[in-house]
Amino acid sequence: MEVKLFYRTQRDLASAVNKIVDDHWNDKISEQQMIDYIKALHENNPNKFVKGEKFTTIIQQQCGKRRLEIVKKILNIDF
């Protein structure tokens, strides 16, 4: 699976997060790969991921609660 590190829009980033988490749920990638991909996306796109003390609105709308619960645990974010 190829994952870009830099995304132009929040929607593109949200699609990538969805694909990564869904691929893990469908046993296409390992849990460790998912963790590594999510950390890399956050590290390289911090302003598109989180604003203030919450995920950006587009990320919330596109990804949904179940996926974002996983992302919060991976990134050790608690808000």
N, C-alpha and C. Protein backbone atom coordinates (compact mmCIF):
# COMPACT_ATOMS: atom_id res chain seq x y z
N MET A 1 0.84 -1.18 0.00
CA MET A 1 0.00 0.00 0.00
C MET A 1 0.88 1.24 0.00
N GLU A 2 0.57 2.16 -0.86
CA GLU A 2 1.34 3.40 -0.95
C GLU A 2 0.57 4.52 -0.27
N VAL A 3 1.23 5.18 0.67
CA VAL A 3 0.61 6.30 1.38
C VAL A 3 1.50 7.52 1.19
N LYS A 4 0.89 8.59 0.69
CA LYS A 4 1.64 9.85 0.57
C LYS A 4 1.79 10.44 1.96
N LEU A 5 2.81 11.25 2.15
CA LEU A 5 3.03 11.87 3.46
C LEU A 5 2.43 13.27 3.55
N PHE A 6 2.26 13.93 2.42
CA PHE A 6 1.77 15.31 2.42
C PHE A 6 0.50 15.40 1.60
N TYR A 7 -0.50 16.06 2.15
CA TYR A 7 -1.78 16.20 1.47
C TYR A 7 -2.13 17.67 1.34
N ARG A 8 -2.75 18.00 0.21
CA ARG A 8 -3.08 19.39 -0.11
C ARG A 8 -4.29 19.87 0.67
N THR A 9 -5.30 19.01 0.83
CA THR A 9 -6.52 19.43 1.50
C THR A 9 -6.86 18.50 2.66
N GLN A 10 -7.73 18.99 3.54
CA GLN A 10 -8.19 18.16 4.64
C GLN A 10 -9.01 16.98 4.13
N ARG A 11 -9.75 17.18 3.05
CA ARG A 11 -10.54 16.08 2.48
C ARG A 11 -9.64 14.95 1.98
N ASP A 12 -8.55 15.31 1.32
CA ASP A 12 -7.60 14.30 0.85
C ASP A 12 -7.00 13.54 2.03
N LEU A 13 -6.66 14.27 3.07
CA LEU A 13 -6.10 13.65 4.28
C LEU A 13 -7.13 12.72 4.92
N ALA A 14 -8.37 13.16 5.01
CA ALA A 14 -9.43 12.33 5.59
C ALA A 14 -9.62 11.04 4.80
N SER A 15 -9.56 11.13 3.49
CA SER A 15 -9.69 9.93 2.64
C SER A 15 -8.55 8.96 2.92
N ALA A 16 -7.35 9.49 3.11
CA ALA A 16 -6.20 8.64 3.40
C ALA A 16 -6.37 7.95 4.76
N VAL A 17 -6.82 8.70 5.76
CA VAL A 17 -7.05 8.11 7.08
C VAL A 17 -8.09 7.00 6.98
N ASN A 18 -9.18 7.27 6.28
CA ASN A 18 -10.24 6.26 6.11
C ASN A 18 -9.69 5.00 5.46
N LYS A 19 -8.90 5.18 4.42
CA LYS A 19 -8.36 4.01 3.70
C LYS A 19 -7.44 3.21 4.61
N ILE A 20 -6.60 3.88 5.37
CA ILE A 20 -5.66 3.19 6.25
C ILE A 20 -6.40 2.38 7.31
N VAL A 21 -7.36 3.02 7.99
CA VAL A 21 -8.09 2.32 9.05
C VAL A 21 -8.93 1.18 8.46
N ASP A 22 -9.59 1.45 7.34
CA ASP A 22 -10.41 0.41 6.69
C ASP A 22 -9.55 -0.76 6.23
N ASP A 23 -8.38 -0.47 5.69
CA ASP A 23 -7.48 -1.55 5.26
C ASP A 23 -7.06 -2.41 6.45
N HIS A 24 -6.85 -1.78 7.59
CA HIS A 24 -6.52 -2.57 8.78
C HIS A 24 -7.72 -3.43 9.20
N TRP A 25 -8.90 -2.85 9.22
CA TRP A 25 -10.10 -3.59 9.60
C TRP A 25 -10.35 -4.77 8.65
N ASN A 26 -9.95 -4.61 7.38
CA ASN A 26 -10.14 -5.66 6.38
C ASN A 26 -8.91 -6.57 6.26
N ASP A 27 -8.00 -6.48 7.21
CA ASP A 27 -6.79 -7.31 7.27
C ASP A 27 -5.89 -7.19 6.05
N LYS A 28 -5.87 -6.00 5.44
CA LYS A 28 -4.97 -5.76 4.32
C LYS A 28 -3.62 -5.23 4.78
N ILE A 29 -3.61 -4.56 5.96
CA ILE A 29 -2.35 -4.10 6.54
C ILE A 29 -2.35 -4.48 8.03
N SER A 30 -1.17 -4.57 8.60
CA SER A 30 -1.05 -4.94 10.01
C SER A 30 -1.37 -3.75 10.91
N GLU A 31 -1.57 -4.05 12.17
CA GLU A 31 -1.84 -2.99 13.14
C GLU A 31 -0.65 -2.04 13.23
N GLN A 32 0.56 -2.58 13.20
CA GLN A 32 1.76 -1.74 13.28
C GLN A 32 1.88 -0.82 12.07
N GLN A 33 1.55 -1.33 10.88
CA GLN A 33 1.58 -0.49 9.68
C GLN A 33 0.59 0.65 9.82
N MET A 34 -0.61 0.34 10.31
CA MET A 34 -1.63 1.37 10.50
C MET A 34 -1.10 2.45 11.45
N ILE A 35 -0.52 2.04 12.56
CA ILE A 35 0.01 2.98 13.55
C ILE A 35 1.08 3.86 12.91
N ASP A 36 2.01 3.25 12.18
CA ASP A 36 3.09 4.00 11.54
C ASP A 36 2.54 5.01 10.53
N TYR A 37 1.56 4.58 9.70
CA TYR A 37 0.98 5.47 8.69
C TYR A 37 0.27 6.65 9.34
N ILE A 38 -0.54 6.39 10.37
CA ILE A 38 -1.29 7.46 11.02
C ILE A 38 -0.33 8.46 11.68
N LYS A 39 0.70 7.96 12.35
CA LYS A 39 1.69 8.86 12.98
C LYS A 39 2.39 9.71 11.93
N ALA A 40 2.75 9.11 10.80
CA ALA A 40 3.43 9.86 9.74
C ALA A 40 2.51 10.93 9.16
N LEU A 41 1.23 10.59 8.95
CA LEU A 41 0.29 11.58 8.42
C LEU A 41 0.15 12.76 9.39
N HIS A 42 0.03 12.47 10.67
CA HIS A 42 -0.12 13.54 11.66
C HIS A 42 1.14 14.40 11.74
N GLU A 43 2.28 13.75 11.70
CA GLU A 43 3.56 14.47 11.79
C GLU A 43 3.75 15.44 10.63
N ASN A 44 3.32 15.03 9.44
CA ASN A 44 3.55 15.83 8.24
C ASN A 44 2.39 16.76 7.87
N ASN A 45 1.23 16.59 8.50
CA ASN A 45 0.06 17.41 8.20
C ASN A 45 -0.64 17.86 9.49
N PRO A 46 0.09 18.37 10.47
CA PRO A 46 -0.54 18.64 11.77
C PRO A 46 -1.68 19.65 11.72
N ASN A 47 -1.55 20.69 10.90
CA ASN A 47 -2.59 21.72 10.85
C ASN A 47 -3.85 21.27 10.14
N LYS A 48 -3.74 20.25 9.32
CA LYS A 48 -4.92 19.72 8.64
C LYS A 48 -5.64 18.68 9.50
N PHE A 49 -4.95 18.16 10.50
CA PHE A 49 -5.49 17.12 11.38
C PHE A 49 -6.21 17.72 12.59
N VAL A 50 -5.51 18.60 13.30
CA VAL A 50 -6.01 19.12 14.58
C VAL A 50 -5.92 20.64 14.59
N LYS A 51 -6.99 21.27 15.06
CA LYS A 51 -6.99 22.71 15.28
C LYS A 51 -7.43 22.95 16.71
N GLY A 52 -6.61 23.64 17.47
CA GLY A 52 -6.94 23.88 18.87
C GLY A 52 -6.95 22.56 19.64
N GLU A 53 -8.06 22.27 20.25
CA GLU A 53 -8.18 21.06 21.07
C GLU A 53 -9.12 20.02 20.47
N LYS A 54 -9.22 20.00 19.13
CA LYS A 54 -10.08 18.99 18.51
C LYS A 54 -9.65 18.75 17.06
N PHE A 55 -10.15 17.63 16.52
CA PHE A 55 -9.89 17.36 15.10
C PHE A 55 -10.59 18.43 14.27
N THR A 56 -10.04 18.74 13.11
CA THR A 56 -10.68 19.73 12.25
C THR A 56 -12.07 19.22 11.86
N THR A 57 -12.94 20.14 11.54
CA THR A 57 -14.34 19.80 11.23
C THR A 57 -14.42 18.83 10.07
N ILE A 58 -13.64 19.05 9.03
CA ILE A 58 -13.71 18.17 7.86
C ILE A 58 -13.23 16.77 8.22
N ILE A 59 -12.18 16.67 9.01
CA ILE A 59 -11.70 15.36 9.45
C ILE A 59 -12.80 14.65 10.24
N GLN A 60 -13.46 15.37 11.15
CA GLN A 60 -14.53 14.77 11.94
C GLN A 60 -15.66 14.28 11.05
N GLN A 61 -16.07 15.11 10.09
CA GLN A 61 -17.19 14.76 9.22
C GLN A 61 -16.86 13.59 8.31
N GLN A 62 -15.67 13.58 7.75
CA GLN A 62 -15.30 12.57 6.77
C GLN A 62 -14.93 11.23 7.40
N CYS A 63 -14.29 11.27 8.56
CA CYS A 63 -13.77 10.04 9.16
C CYS A 63 -14.74 9.35 10.10
N GLY A 64 -15.51 10.10 10.83
CA GLY A 64 -16.46 9.50 11.75
C GLY A 64 -15.84 9.12 13.08
N LYS A 65 -16.73 8.85 14.05
CA LYS A 65 -16.30 8.63 15.43
C LYS A 65 -15.46 7.37 15.61
N ARG A 66 -15.84 6.27 14.99
CA ARG A 66 -15.12 5.01 15.21
C ARG A 66 -13.68 5.09 14.75
N ARG A 67 -13.47 5.66 13.58
CA ARG A 67 -12.09 5.78 13.07
C ARG A 67 -11.29 6.76 13.93
N LEU A 68 -11.92 7.87 14.31
CA LEU A 68 -11.19 8.88 15.08
C LEU A 68 -10.86 8.41 16.48
N GLU A 69 -11.64 7.51 17.04
CA GLU A 69 -11.28 6.93 18.34
C GLU A 69 -9.95 6.17 18.22
N ILE A 70 -9.78 5.45 17.13
CA ILE A 70 -8.53 4.73 16.89
C ILE A 70 -7.38 5.72 16.71
N VAL A 71 -7.61 6.75 15.91
CA VAL A 71 -6.57 7.75 15.65
C VAL A 71 -6.16 8.44 16.96
N LYS A 72 -7.13 8.76 17.82
CA LYS A 72 -6.82 9.40 19.10
C LYS A 72 -5.93 8.50 19.95
N LYS A 73 -6.20 7.23 19.96
CA LYS A 73 -5.38 6.30 20.75
C LYS A 73 -3.97 6.18 20.18
N ILE A 74 -3.89 6.13 18.86
CA ILE A 74 -2.56 6.02 18.22
C ILE A 74 -1.71 7.25 18.53
N LEU A 75 -2.33 8.43 18.47
CA LEU A 75 -1.59 9.68 18.65
C LEU A 75 -1.52 10.13 20.10
N ASN A 76 -2.12 9.36 21.01
CA ASN A 76 -2.16 9.73 22.43
C ASN A 76 -2.75 11.12 22.63
N ILE A 77 -3.85 11.37 21.96
CA ILE A 77 -4.56 12.65 22.07
C ILE A 77 -5.79 12.41 22.93
N ASP A 78 -6.03 13.33 23.87
CA ASP A 78 -7.21 13.20 24.70
C ASP A 78 -7.88 14.56 24.83
N PHE A 79 -8.87 14.77 23.97
CA PHE A 79 -9.64 16.01 24.09
C PHE A 79 -11.10 15.74 23.91
